[in-house]
C-alpha cells in the first residue's frame, strides 16, 4: 500500500499525536512492505524509513488572541487552516492508497473530498485529539467522513463502532528508549536533590496545570518541572512565583531527552480529567516512574483499576496527598510495572495493528469497487 500520514505538526513539535504518528510510520516503514510518506511542517530527519514532505504553516502562537468561531475554534484550528491552505494545491489523491490523520476539520475535509478524476484513497481517522468529530452532528462536525476509525480508548470505541468501521488500538512507547535507568538531573539543569514532581503537558485549560501547581505547592521543599508550553504560560509563571518561588520551572526538551527527564523525577502528575489516550501515562510507566492521575475509565484501562496513584483530581487535597504519598513510597511498585509497558505498549506491536486495519479497510474498498 501507499500510506500517507498527514498532520501539521509532524517533524516540528513533539506532542502526543505527532510522536504517535511518527512512531507508527517508522515501524510500518521498517517492515518494507509499503511505501510510507509523512507530511508535516518540520524538516527531513535522516535515517527515517519513510519519505517526508514539508509544507509550511503559520504557528499557533500567532493565533492565541484570535476570536473563537466555528470552525476556527482555537489557535490549533487556525494553524491547521494555514497548513491546509498551503498543501491543498499540492495534494494529489492518486498518489496514496490510504491516508491517515487525526486533525479536524480542514485536513479531514481535504482528504475526504471527491477528486475530479480517479478514486479517493481510503481515509483512516485516528482519535488522538478526541472523538467528537466522529459522533457529533453539530456545526462543522456534521461534515466528518472516514472509511475507518482508530479509537485510542475503549470509551471512544464503544461510542463509535456502530457508526464507522472501527478498531481499538492504544498508543505506545519505544521500550529501548523509555526504560528504567539512572537520573540525569545535572545534565538537564534540574535541582540536584529533593523531591521533584514532573508534569508533561501543554499549558492549556484542559490539562489543568494550574491546579497541579497548587497541589504540589503544598509539599514543602518539593520542586516542580513542567515540560510544555501554551497560552497559560504567563498565568502559570505568576502563580508559581507566588506559591512556590524558586521551586518551579517550565522547559521544553527535544524528544531524545524525554526518557532522562522522566527518570530524573520522583512522580509524574497529570491532573487532566480526560485524555484521548495520554502517551505520558505509558512513557512514565515504561521508565518506572510513579504516576498520579485522574481516576476514570481510560486511566484504569491503561494503568489498571488498582493503580495506587489514581484519584479524583478535581479534589486538590486528594491530588496533593497522592503526590506526597507517591514521593514517600518511592518507585518499587512503579518499577515492577515497567516490563508490562514494554510488552503491551510497544510501538512495533501497535504499528502492526495499524497496518492490519489499514489493509482491511483498503482491501474492503477495493473489493467493493465495480
Protein backbone atom coordinates (compact mmCIF):
# COMPACT_ATOMS: atom_id res chain seq x y z
CA UNK A 1 0.00 0.00 0.00
CA UNK A 2 0.95 3.65 -0.43
CA UNK A 3 0.26 5.09 3.03
CA UNK A 4 0.30 8.84 3.73
CA UNK A 5 0.32 10.22 7.28
CA UNK A 6 -0.69 13.90 7.35
CA UNK A 7 -0.58 16.20 10.39
CA UNK A 8 0.56 19.84 10.54
CA UNK A 9 2.98 19.37 13.44
CA UNK A 10 4.86 16.33 12.15
CA UNK A 11 8.66 16.67 12.38
CA UNK A 12 8.21 20.08 14.07
CA UNK A 13 6.65 19.52 17.51
CA UNK A 14 6.64 16.58 19.91
CA UNK A 15 3.07 16.50 21.14
CA UNK A 16 1.38 13.13 21.74
CA UNK A 17 -0.25 12.83 18.32
CA UNK A 18 2.93 13.77 16.45
CA UNK A 19 5.03 11.31 18.47
CA UNK A 20 2.48 8.56 17.81
CA UNK A 21 2.20 9.15 14.07
CA UNK A 22 5.96 9.33 13.55
CA UNK A 23 6.48 6.14 15.55
CA UNK A 24 3.78 4.23 13.67
CA UNK A 25 5.04 5.44 10.29
CA UNK A 26 8.58 4.42 11.27
CA UNK A 27 7.59 0.91 12.32
CA UNK A 28 5.43 0.32 9.22
CA UNK A 29 8.25 1.67 7.05
CA UNK A 30 10.71 -0.76 8.64
CA UNK A 31 8.55 -3.70 7.58
CA UNK A 32 9.39 -2.83 3.98
CA UNK A 33 6.00 -3.90 2.64
CA UNK A 34 4.55 -0.45 1.95
CA UNK A 35 5.51 2.94 0.58
CA UNK A 36 5.12 5.30 3.55
CA UNK A 37 5.02 9.09 3.27
CA UNK A 38 4.79 11.57 6.15
CA UNK A 39 3.58 15.13 5.51
CA UNK A 40 4.11 17.89 8.08
CA UNK A 41 5.60 21.31 8.75
CA UNK A 42 9.01 20.20 10.02
CA UNK A 43 12.15 19.17 8.20
CA UNK A 44 13.55 15.89 6.92
CA UNK A 45 15.02 13.68 9.65
CA UNK A 46 17.76 11.48 8.26
CA UNK A 47 17.50 7.75 8.77
CA UNK A 48 13.72 7.51 8.91
CA UNK A 49 12.33 4.63 6.77
CA UNK A 50 9.77 6.80 5.02
CA UNK A 51 9.56 9.77 2.67
CA UNK A 52 8.90 13.19 4.18
CA UNK A 53 7.19 16.17 2.59
CA UNK A 54 7.45 19.63 4.08
CA UNK A 55 4.62 22.14 4.00
CA UNK A 56 4.85 25.39 5.93
CA UNK A 57 2.27 26.96 8.23
CA UNK A 58 1.65 29.94 10.49
CA UNK A 59 2.44 28.78 14.08
CA UNK A 60 -0.45 28.53 16.52
CA UNK A 61 1.19 31.05 18.88
CA UNK A 62 0.35 33.78 16.35
CA UNK A 63 -3.35 32.97 16.75
CA UNK A 64 -3.67 32.82 20.55
CA UNK A 65 -5.63 36.10 20.66
CA UNK A 66 -7.76 35.43 17.59
CA UNK A 67 -11.54 35.04 18.06
CA UNK A 68 -13.07 31.59 18.52
CA UNK A 69 -15.62 30.96 15.77
CA UNK A 70 -16.73 27.73 14.09
CA UNK A 71 -14.80 26.05 12.58
CA UNK A 72 -11.86 28.16 13.82
CA UNK A 73 -12.44 27.30 17.47
CA UNK A 74 -8.85 27.56 18.75
CA UNK A 75 -5.35 28.57 17.78
CA UNK A 76 -4.79 24.94 16.72
CA UNK A 77 -7.57 25.20 14.12
CA UNK A 78 -6.15 28.45 12.76
CA UNK A 79 -2.72 26.81 12.48
CA UNK A 80 -4.23 23.79 10.73
CA UNK A 81 -6.13 26.02 8.31
CA UNK A 82 -2.93 27.82 7.30
CA UNK A 83 -1.22 24.47 6.70
CA UNK A 84 -4.06 23.03 4.61
CA UNK A 85 -4.23 26.20 2.53
CA UNK A 86 -0.55 25.71 1.71
CA UNK A 87 -0.80 21.99 0.98
CA UNK A 88 -4.18 21.67 -0.77
CA UNK A 89 -2.83 22.76 -4.15
CA UNK A 90 -0.05 20.14 -3.92
CA UNK A 91 -2.21 17.27 -2.68
CA UNK A 92 -2.90 14.57 -5.28
CA UNK A 93 -5.35 11.88 -4.24
CA UNK A 94 -3.98 9.38 -6.78
CA UNK A 95 -0.61 9.30 -5.00
CA UNK A 96 -1.96 7.37 -1.98
CA UNK A 97 -3.98 4.24 -1.31
CA UNK A 98 -4.56 5.10 2.36
CA UNK A 99 -4.44 8.48 4.11
CA UNK A 100 -4.22 8.88 7.88
CA UNK A 101 -4.81 11.92 10.08
CA UNK A 102 -6.20 12.93 13.45
CA UNK A 103 -6.70 16.57 12.51
CA UNK A 104 -10.17 18.03 12.05
CA UNK A 105 -11.76 19.82 10.31
CA UNK A 106 -9.58 21.09 7.48
CA UNK A 107 -7.19 18.15 6.99
CA UNK A 108 -10.03 15.64 7.11
CA UNK A 109 -12.04 17.68 4.61
CA UNK A 110 -9.08 17.85 2.23
CA UNK A 111 -8.53 14.09 2.40
CA UNK A 112 -12.18 13.01 2.06
CA UNK A 113 -13.28 15.27 -0.77
CA UNK A 114 -14.09 13.53 -4.03
CA UNK A 115 -11.44 14.14 -6.71
CA UNK A 116 -12.42 15.28 -10.16
CA UNK A 117 -10.61 12.30 -11.66
CA UNK A 118 -9.69 8.89 -10.28
CA UNK A 119 -10.63 7.47 -6.92
CA UNK A 120 -10.38 8.78 -3.40
CA UNK A 121 -7.91 6.95 -1.14
CA UNK A 122 -9.25 5.05 1.83
CA UNK A 123 -9.21 7.51 4.74
CA UNK A 124 -8.34 6.46 8.30
CA UNK A 125 -9.12 8.90 11.10
CA UNK A 126 -7.44 8.46 14.49
CA UNK A 127 -8.99 9.83 17.69
CA UNK A 128 -5.70 11.20 19.04
CA UNK A 129 -7.34 14.55 19.75
CA UNK A 130 -10.78 13.25 20.68
CA UNK A 131 -13.71 11.50 19.02
CA UNK A 132 -16.07 14.48 18.89
CA UNK A 133 -15.88 14.77 15.07
CA UNK A 134 -16.81 11.10 14.67
CA UNK A 135 -20.06 11.12 16.63
CA UNK A 136 -21.33 14.71 16.69
CA UNK A 137 -23.66 16.03 14.01
CA UNK A 138 -23.48 19.62 15.21
CA UNK A 139 -22.00 22.55 13.26
CA UNK A 140 -18.90 21.64 11.23
CA UNK A 141 -18.75 18.15 12.77
CA UNK A 142 -21.68 17.08 10.58
CA UNK A 143 -19.24 17.12 7.64
CA UNK A 144 -16.92 14.49 9.11
CA UNK A 145 -16.19 11.46 6.95
CA UNK A 146 -13.86 8.49 7.15
CA UNK A 147 -13.56 4.93 5.86
CA UNK A 148 -12.08 3.59 9.10
CA UNK A 149 -11.78 4.90 12.64
CA UNK A 150 -8.92 4.07 15.01
CA UNK A 151 -10.19 4.56 18.58
CA UNK A 152 -7.46 5.19 21.14
CA UNK A 153 -9.51 4.19 24.18
CA UNK A 154 -12.47 1.87 24.96
CA UNK A 155 -14.92 4.74 25.55
CA UNK A 156 -14.38 6.03 22.01
CA UNK A 157 -14.66 2.53 20.57
CA UNK A 158 -17.96 1.78 22.31
CA UNK A 159 -19.38 5.13 21.22
CA UNK A 160 -18.42 4.86 17.54
CA UNK A 161 -18.15 1.21 16.48
CA UNK A 162 -21.74 1.02 15.25
CA UNK A 163 -21.35 4.14 13.12
CA UNK A 164 -17.94 3.68 11.47
CA UNK A 165 -15.73 0.66 10.72
CA UNK A 166 -13.68 0.88 13.92
CA UNK A 167 -10.85 -0.70 15.84
CA UNK A 168 -9.40 -0.17 19.32
CA UNK A 169 -5.64 0.48 19.33
CA UNK A 170 -3.72 2.25 22.13
CA UNK A 171 -0.70 4.47 21.72
CA UNK A 172 2.67 3.17 22.68
CA UNK A 173 6.28 3.70 23.58
CA UNK A 174 9.76 2.70 22.47
CA UNK A 175 10.94 0.26 25.18
CA UNK A 176 14.55 0.64 24.09
CA UNK A 177 14.46 4.35 24.99
CA UNK A 178 11.77 4.57 27.65
CA UNK A 179 13.08 2.13 30.22
CA UNK A 180 14.36 2.30 33.82
CA UNK A 181 17.73 3.95 34.31
CA UNK A 182 19.71 6.48 36.34
CA UNK A 183 18.55 10.10 36.69
CA UNK A 184 20.21 12.90 34.73
CA UNK A 185 19.38 15.95 36.83
CA UNK A 186 22.75 17.66 36.41
CA UNK A 187 22.75 17.32 32.62
CA UNK A 188 19.21 18.67 32.37
CA UNK A 189 19.82 21.53 34.79
CA UNK A 190 17.39 20.23 37.41
CA UNK A 191 17.67 20.58 41.21
CA UNK A 192 20.33 18.11 42.37
CA UNK A 193 18.40 16.93 45.42
CA UNK A 194 14.95 16.91 46.94
CA UNK A 195 11.62 15.62 45.62
CA UNK A 196 10.85 16.51 42.02
CA UNK A 197 7.37 16.35 40.50
CA UNK A 198 7.05 16.34 36.72
CA UNK A 199 4.14 17.42 34.54
CA UNK A 200 4.48 16.74 30.80
CA UNK A 201 1.74 18.85 29.32
CA UNK A 202 0.69 21.70 27.12
CA UNK A 203 -0.18 24.79 29.17
CA UNK A 204 -3.86 24.87 28.25
CA UNK A 205 -7.05 24.83 30.34
CA UNK A 206 -7.89 21.18 29.66
CA UNK A 207 -4.59 19.93 31.11
CA UNK A 208 -5.26 21.70 34.46
CA UNK A 209 -1.63 22.63 35.03
CA UNK A 210 -2.55 25.48 37.40
CA UNK A 211 -4.45 23.07 39.63
CA UNK A 212 -1.48 20.71 39.57
CA UNK A 213 0.87 23.51 40.59
CA UNK A 214 -1.36 24.42 43.55
CA UNK A 215 -1.38 20.79 44.72
CA UNK A 216 2.42 20.45 44.52
CA UNK A 217 2.99 23.83 46.20
CA UNK A 218 1.54 22.36 49.41
CA UNK A 219 4.52 19.98 49.72
CA UNK A 220 7.45 21.72 51.46
CA UNK A 221 10.81 21.67 49.63
CA UNK A 222 9.26 19.92 46.61
CA UNK A 223 10.24 21.12 43.15
CA UNK A 224 8.00 21.15 40.10
CA UNK A 225 9.03 20.93 36.44
CA UNK A 226 6.57 21.32 33.59
CA UNK A 227 7.71 20.15 30.16
CA UNK A 228 5.50 22.03 27.72
CA UNK A 229 4.25 25.39 26.57
CA UNK A 230 0.97 27.10 25.77
CA UNK A 231 -1.22 30.14 26.27
CA UNK A 232 -1.34 29.74 30.09
CA UNK A 233 2.41 30.26 30.40
CA UNK A 234 2.11 33.74 31.96
CA UNK A 235 -0.56 32.65 34.43
CA UNK A 236 1.49 29.60 35.34
CA UNK A 237 4.63 31.67 35.94
CA UNK A 238 2.74 34.22 38.03
CA UNK A 239 1.10 31.55 40.19
CA UNK A 240 4.38 29.69 40.60
CA UNK A 241 6.19 32.85 41.65
CA UNK A 242 3.54 33.46 44.28
CA UNK A 243 3.09 29.94 45.67
CA UNK A 244 6.48 28.25 45.25
CA UNK A 245 9.15 30.82 44.31
CA UNK A 246 12.39 29.20 43.21
CA UNK A 247 10.83 25.73 43.23
CA UNK A 248 9.19 25.56 39.81
CA UNK A 249 10.38 25.62 36.23
CA UNK A 250 8.97 25.45 32.72
CA UNK A 251 11.06 23.85 30.00
CA UNK A 252 10.89 22.33 26.54
CA UNK A 253 13.19 19.49 25.57
CA UNK A 254 13.98 17.56 22.40
CA UNK A 255 12.33 14.17 22.20
CA UNK A 256 15.59 12.32 22.81
CA UNK A 257 15.90 13.91 26.27
CA UNK A 258 12.45 12.93 27.47
CA UNK A 259 13.39 9.47 28.87
CA UNK A 260 16.06 11.11 31.05
CA UNK A 261 13.57 13.74 32.20
CA UNK A 262 11.15 11.04 33.35
CA UNK A 263 13.97 9.15 35.09
CA UNK A 264 15.04 12.32 36.93
CA UNK A 265 11.65 12.88 38.58
CA UNK A 266 10.09 11.23 41.63
CA UNK A 267 6.45 11.48 40.49
CA UNK A 268 4.65 12.26 37.26
CA UNK A 269 1.48 14.29 37.87
CA UNK A 270 -1.19 14.60 35.17
CA UNK A 271 -4.28 16.42 36.52
CA UNK A 272 -6.33 16.42 33.28
CA UNK A 273 -9.81 15.00 33.69
CA UNK A 274 -9.76 13.24 30.32
CA UNK A 275 -7.32 12.29 27.57
CA UNK A 276 -7.89 10.64 24.23
CA UNK A 277 -5.11 8.31 25.33
CA UNK A 278 -2.26 10.05 27.09
CA UNK A 279 1.20 8.99 25.90
CA UNK A 280 2.57 10.42 29.15
CA UNK A 281 1.00 7.59 31.15
CA UNK A 282 2.75 4.91 29.11
CA UNK A 283 6.09 6.75 28.94
CA UNK A 284 6.16 7.25 32.72
CA UNK A 285 5.04 3.67 33.27
CA UNK A 286 7.80 2.36 31.00
CA UNK A 287 10.61 4.09 32.94
CA UNK A 288 9.18 3.02 36.31
CA UNK A 289 8.04 6.48 37.41
CA UNK A 290 5.08 6.66 39.85
CA UNK A 291 2.02 8.35 38.33
CA UNK A 292 -0.73 10.45 39.89
CA UNK A 293 -3.66 10.94 37.51
CA UNK A 294 -7.42 11.25 37.35
CA UNK A 295 -9.31 8.05 38.14
CA UNK A 296 -11.59 7.32 35.17
CA UNK A 297 -12.05 4.50 32.61
CA UNK A 298 -9.16 5.48 30.32
CA UNK A 299 -6.51 5.55 33.07
CA UNK A 300 -7.98 2.38 34.56
CA UNK A 301 -7.63 0.68 31.16
CA UNK A 302 -4.01 1.83 30.73
CA UNK A 303 -2.70 1.55 34.31
CA UNK A 304 -5.13 -0.92 35.91
CA UNK A 305 -8.09 -0.34 38.20
CA UNK A 306 -5.97 -0.94 41.29
CA UNK A 307 -3.21 1.55 40.41
CA UNK A 308 -2.46 3.46 43.66
CA UNK A 309 -1.95 6.86 42.02
CA UNK A 310 -5.46 7.16 40.55
CA UNK A 311 -7.51 9.79 42.39
CA UNK A 312 -10.21 12.36 41.78
CA UNK A 313 -8.04 15.23 40.53
CA UNK A 314 -10.93 17.67 40.95
CA UNK A 315 -10.05 17.45 44.66
CA UNK A 316 -6.76 19.33 45.05
CA UNK A 317 -6.29 17.97 48.59
CA UNK A 318 -6.65 14.39 47.33
CA UNK A 319 -4.24 15.16 44.49
CA UNK A 320 -1.74 16.68 46.93
CA UNK A 321 -1.98 13.66 49.24
CA UNK A 322 -1.49 11.24 46.35
CA UNK A 323 1.65 13.06 45.19
CA UNK A 324 3.04 13.21 48.73
CA UNK A 325 2.31 9.50 49.26
CA UNK A 326 3.98 8.57 45.96
CA UNK A 327 7.12 10.50 46.97
CA UNK A 328 7.28 8.74 50.34
CA UNK A 329 6.64 5.25 48.95
CA UNK A 330 9.24 5.50 46.18
CA UNK A 331 9.49 3.66 42.88
CA UNK A 332 9.33 -0.03 43.82
CA UNK A 333 5.75 -0.63 42.67
CA UNK A 334 6.14 1.54 39.57
CA UNK A 335 9.34 -0.26 38.57
CA UNK A 336 7.55 -3.59 38.81
CA UNK A 337 5.12 -2.38 36.12
CA UNK A 338 7.70 -1.18 33.59
CA UNK A 339 8.01 -4.54 31.82
CA UNK A 340 4.26 -4.57 31.21
CA UNK A 341 4.55 -1.28 29.34
CA UNK A 342 7.40 -2.67 27.23
CA UNK A 343 5.29 -5.62 26.04
CA UNK A 344 1.75 -4.27 25.94
CA UNK A 345 2.57 -0.84 24.52
CA UNK A 346 5.50 -1.48 22.17
CA UNK A 347 5.24 0.69 19.04
CA UNK A 348 6.25 -2.33 16.94
CA UNK A 349 3.18 -4.26 18.05
CA UNK A 350 0.89 -1.25 17.77
CA UNK A 351 2.11 -0.37 14.26
CA UNK A 352 1.33 -3.93 13.20
CA UNK A 353 -2.25 -3.47 14.43
CA UNK A 354 -2.49 -0.21 12.47
CA UNK A 355 -1.25 -1.85 9.30
CA UNK A 356 -3.66 -4.76 9.61
CA UNK A 357 -6.58 -2.34 9.99
CA UNK A 358 -5.42 -0.20 7.05
CA UNK A 359 -5.12 -3.28 4.86
CA UNK A 360 -8.60 -4.49 5.85
CA UNK A 361 -10.15 -1.09 5.05
CA UNK A 362 -8.19 -0.73 1.79
CA UNK A 363 -8.96 -4.25 0.58
CA UNK A 364 -12.60 -3.85 1.53
CA UNK A 365 -12.85 -0.69 -0.52
CA UNK A 366 -11.17 -2.34 -3.50
CA UNK A 367 -13.43 -5.36 -3.19
CA UNK A 368 -16.50 -3.13 -3.27
CA UNK A 369 -15.50 -1.41 -6.49
CA UNK A 370 -17.45 -2.39 -9.65
